[in-house]
């Protein structure tokens, strides 16, 4: 069974940066596509970014382009989300997901809270 554990969330001031990490275990990380999503209570889950199995393909939501960067280290079974120029509206629970290809995710982490103060 695949397990995904996120970390790196916290409280940051507007304009600041955070790097989220998601460590995978129990699966075939180096062959899986990975993605980051976020969710605010009462709203639908929102796609942020995805990366294919070897890292040479990345995909971003429009709001994330230029501010967020997804990357992965297959030797560490870890996917990262670097977030710069954070805004209060980026406040959400951030979760990672894995699957056999980009857009098809079977496993989800519990999430890590990111709070951006104004």
Protein backbone atom coordinates (compact mmCIF):
# COMPACT_ATOMS: atom_id res chain seq x y z
CA UNK A 1 0.00 0.00 0.00
CA UNK A 2 1.37 3.39 -1.00
CA UNK A 3 1.73 5.95 1.76
CA UNK A 4 2.36 9.62 1.16
CA UNK A 5 3.44 11.91 3.98
CA UNK A 6 3.67 15.65 3.51
CA UNK A 7 5.68 18.11 5.56
CA UNK A 8 6.96 21.65 5.42
CA UNK A 9 3.76 23.58 5.93
CA UNK A 10 3.38 26.32 8.46
CA UNK A 11 2.69 29.99 9.00
CA UNK A 12 4.44 32.48 6.73
CA UNK A 13 4.00 36.16 5.99
CA UNK A 14 2.78 37.34 2.63
CA UNK A 15 5.67 37.50 0.19
CA UNK A 16 7.49 34.68 1.92
CA UNK A 17 8.44 31.22 0.71
CA UNK A 18 7.97 27.62 1.76
CA UNK A 19 9.12 24.28 0.45
CA UNK A 20 6.78 21.37 0.92
CA UNK A 21 7.97 17.78 0.82
CA UNK A 22 6.09 14.56 0.21
CA UNK A 23 7.77 11.26 0.99
CA UNK A 24 6.36 8.12 -0.60
CA UNK A 25 6.66 4.56 0.63
CA UNK A 26 5.23 1.18 -0.25
CA UNK A 27 5.01 1.72 -4.00
CA UNK A 28 6.99 2.32 -7.14
CA UNK A 29 7.77 5.99 -6.70
CA UNK A 30 10.37 6.20 -9.45
CA UNK A 31 7.78 5.07 -12.01
CA UNK A 32 4.85 7.16 -10.72
CA UNK A 33 3.61 10.57 -11.68
CA UNK A 34 3.24 12.92 -8.71
CA UNK A 35 1.14 15.99 -8.12
CA UNK A 36 0.26 18.64 -5.58
CA UNK A 37 -3.24 19.82 -4.79
CA UNK A 38 -4.70 22.19 -2.24
CA UNK A 39 -8.04 22.58 -0.57
CA UNK A 40 -9.77 25.22 1.48
CA UNK A 41 -12.67 24.13 3.73
CA UNK A 42 -15.92 24.39 1.83
CA UNK A 43 -14.23 24.51 -1.58
CA UNK A 44 -13.24 21.89 -4.13
CA UNK A 45 -9.75 20.50 -4.23
CA UNK A 46 -7.58 22.52 -6.60
CA UNK A 47 -4.79 21.22 -8.82
CA UNK A 48 -1.46 23.00 -8.40
CA UNK A 49 1.24 21.12 -10.28
CA UNK A 50 2.26 17.70 -11.56
CA UNK A 51 5.47 16.00 -12.60
CA UNK A 52 6.01 12.87 -14.61
CA UNK A 53 8.01 9.85 -13.47
CA UNK A 54 11.46 11.07 -14.48
CA UNK A 55 10.93 14.77 -13.91
CA UNK A 56 11.25 15.92 -17.50
CA UNK A 57 7.62 16.90 -17.75
CA UNK A 58 5.98 19.40 -15.42
CA UNK A 59 2.52 20.93 -15.51
CA UNK A 60 1.10 23.88 -13.60
CA UNK A 61 -2.18 25.57 -12.88
CA UNK A 62 -2.23 29.12 -14.14
CA UNK A 63 -2.08 30.60 -10.64
CA UNK A 64 1.04 28.56 -9.88
CA UNK A 65 3.08 29.46 -12.95
CA UNK A 66 6.04 31.64 -12.08
CA UNK A 67 5.59 31.27 -8.30
CA UNK A 68 5.52 27.52 -7.60
CA UNK A 69 7.99 24.86 -8.72
CA UNK A 70 7.48 21.11 -8.53
CA UNK A 71 10.48 18.79 -8.48
CA UNK A 72 11.35 15.27 -7.41
CA UNK A 73 14.23 13.20 -6.13
CA UNK A 74 13.66 9.57 -7.02
CA UNK A 75 16.60 8.46 -4.89
CA UNK A 76 14.77 9.86 -1.85
CA UNK A 77 11.23 8.91 -2.92
CA UNK A 78 10.35 12.56 -2.45
CA UNK A 79 8.49 15.20 -4.41
CA UNK A 80 8.79 18.87 -3.54
CA UNK A 81 6.76 22.02 -4.04
CA UNK A 82 8.68 25.25 -3.76
CA UNK A 83 6.33 28.19 -3.24
CA UNK A 84 7.51 31.78 -3.57
CA UNK A 85 5.78 35.14 -3.25
CA UNK A 86 3.05 33.59 -1.15
CA UNK A 87 -0.28 35.38 -0.83
CA UNK A 88 -3.01 35.12 1.81
CA UNK A 89 -5.19 33.39 -0.78
CA UNK A 90 -2.64 30.56 -0.92
CA UNK A 91 -3.78 29.53 2.56
CA UNK A 92 -4.99 25.93 2.32
CA UNK A 93 -4.22 22.32 3.13
CA UNK A 94 -1.67 21.09 0.61
CA UNK A 95 -1.65 17.42 -0.36
CA UNK A 96 0.39 15.29 -2.69
CA UNK A 97 -0.90 12.51 -4.90
CA UNK A 98 0.62 9.69 -6.91
CA UNK A 99 -0.47 7.62 -9.86
CA UNK A 100 0.61 5.73 -12.94
CA UNK A 101 0.51 8.84 -15.09
CA UNK A 102 -0.13 12.56 -14.86
CA UNK A 103 -3.82 13.18 -14.29
CA UNK A 104 -4.56 9.72 -12.95
CA UNK A 105 -3.91 9.63 -9.21
CA UNK A 106 -4.71 6.68 -6.99
CA UNK A 107 -3.07 7.64 -3.72
CA UNK A 108 -3.27 10.77 -1.59
CA UNK A 109 -1.51 12.10 1.46
CA UNK A 110 -3.18 13.61 4.52
CA UNK A 111 -1.94 17.08 3.76
CA UNK A 112 -0.01 19.85 5.45
CA UNK A 113 -1.48 23.21 6.43
CA UNK A 114 -0.09 26.36 4.86
CA UNK A 115 -1.21 29.67 6.32
CA UNK A 116 -0.15 32.95 4.78
CA UNK A 117 -0.71 36.03 6.90
CA UNK A 118 -1.20 39.48 5.43
